[in-house]
Protein backbone atom coordinates (compact mmCIF):
# COMPACT_ATOMS: atom_id res chain seq x y z
CA MET A 1 18.17 272.64 163.85
CA SER A 2 20.95 271.45 165.99
CA LYS A 3 23.37 268.63 164.46
CA ALA A 4 24.12 265.22 166.03
CA GLY A 5 27.58 266.46 165.86
CA ASN A 6 27.30 269.42 167.27
CA GLU A 7 24.42 268.34 170.63
CA PRO A 8 26.18 267.73 174.27
CA GLY A 9 27.08 264.67 174.60
CA ARG A 10 26.30 263.44 171.15
CA SER A 11 29.59 263.20 169.10
CA GLY A 12 30.33 262.43 165.16
CA LEU A 13 32.59 259.59 165.99
CA ALA A 14 30.49 258.06 168.46
CA PRO A 15 29.30 254.76 165.97
CA ARG A 16 33.01 254.71 164.42
CA MET A 17 34.01 254.66 168.08
CA GLY A 18 31.32 251.79 168.81
CA TRP A 19 32.72 249.50 166.28
CA ILE A 20 36.31 249.82 166.64
CA VAL A 21 35.34 248.48 170.16
CA SER A 22 33.78 246.31 168.60
CA ALA A 23 36.56 245.32 165.99
CA ASN A 24 38.71 245.06 169.39
CA LEU A 25 37.10 243.57 171.90
CA LEU A 26 36.39 240.23 168.55
CA ALA A 27 40.79 240.70 168.16
CA LEU A 28 40.42 240.36 171.84
CA LEU A 29 38.12 237.28 171.89
CA ALA A 30 40.34 235.69 169.42
CA VAL A 31 43.73 236.21 171.07
CA VAL A 32 41.72 234.65 174.62
CA LEU A 33 40.46 231.28 172.31
CA ALA A 34 43.70 231.19 170.49
CA VAL A 35 45.98 230.85 173.98
CA VAL A 36 42.84 228.27 175.51
CA ALA A 37 43.19 226.01 172.46
CA LEU A 38 47.60 225.52 172.88
CA VAL A 39 47.33 225.59 176.31
CA LEU A 40 44.63 222.32 176.13
CA GLN A 41 47.35 221.53 173.56
CA PHE A 42 50.11 220.80 175.84
CA THR A 43 48.08 219.82 178.62
CA GLY A 44 49.27 216.10 178.63
CA GLU A 45 45.42 215.18 177.49
CA ASP A 46 43.52 212.99 174.66
CA GLU A 47 39.58 214.16 173.79
CA GLU A 48 38.59 211.94 176.21
CA GLY A 49 39.73 213.95 179.05
CA GLY A 50 42.10 211.60 180.52
CA GLN A 51 46.58 211.38 179.97
CA ALA A 52 47.58 210.56 176.61
CA VAL A 53 49.96 207.74 176.85
CA THR A 54 52.95 208.59 175.25
CA ALA A 55 55.78 205.68 174.29
CA GLN A 56 58.55 205.32 176.76
CA PRO A 57 61.21 204.59 175.76
CA THR A 58 62.75 200.59 175.24
CA ALA A 59 66.50 200.08 176.31
CA THR A 60 68.34 198.57 174.07
CA ALA A 61 72.32 197.74 173.86
CA GLN A 62 74.31 199.97 172.11
CA PRO A 63 77.90 198.83 171.19
CA THR A 64 80.72 199.61 173.07
CA PRO A 65 82.80 202.69 170.80
CA THR A 66 85.75 201.65 169.61
CA PRO A 67 88.69 204.57 171.90
CA THR A 68 90.35 206.04 169.11
CA PRO A 69 94.63 206.02 169.70
CA PRO A 70 95.99 209.78 170.15
CA ILE A 71 96.89 212.59 167.77
CA VAL A 72 100.41 213.01 168.21
CA VAL A 73 101.73 215.75 165.67
CA GLU A 74 105.64 215.90 165.95
CA GLY A 75 108.69 218.24 164.13
CA VAL A 76 106.41 221.62 164.93
CA SER A 77 109.12 223.36 165.57
CA VAL A 78 107.06 226.00 168.57
CA ASP A 79 111.25 227.54 169.59
CA ASP A 80 110.41 231.06 168.17
CA ASP A 81 107.30 231.52 167.90
CA PRO A 82 105.66 234.03 170.47
CA PHE A 83 103.16 232.37 172.64
CA ILE A 84 100.93 232.29 175.70
CA GLY A 85 101.62 230.41 178.48
CA PRO A 86 104.57 228.10 180.65
CA GLU A 87 106.11 226.92 177.91
CA ASP A 88 105.55 223.60 179.36
CA ALA A 89 102.11 223.19 179.27
CA PRO A 90 100.40 220.27 178.09
CA VAL A 91 99.28 220.74 175.30
CA THR A 92 99.53 223.41 172.57
CA ILE A 93 98.03 224.34 170.42
CA VAL A 94 99.88 225.94 166.73
CA GLU A 95 97.97 227.72 164.90
CA PHE A 96 99.22 228.49 160.80
CA SER A 97 97.41 231.32 158.18
CA ASP A 98 98.34 231.96 154.65
CA PHE A 99 98.00 235.05 153.80
CA LEU A 100 98.82 235.67 150.73
């Protein structure tokens, strides 16, 4: 007598492989259904199949912001400090660090 695993064309793993293939197909089906549900959720249709009604923003009068005066800092000496760029630049940025 021959065992099922030793017969030509049959394998002892065949029943197990069928179960794994079935589980993979079931997982694939679940992923496909999830993707379809997400696509249908974001297409903009309601339950009856018509277009969803979205609230349009209303135009409201925004208060006009008052301009803030420019901040001018005077009294910072930059004459002996290292710098990058032209000496007569319209903007000077001074960085202060206190490493104790």
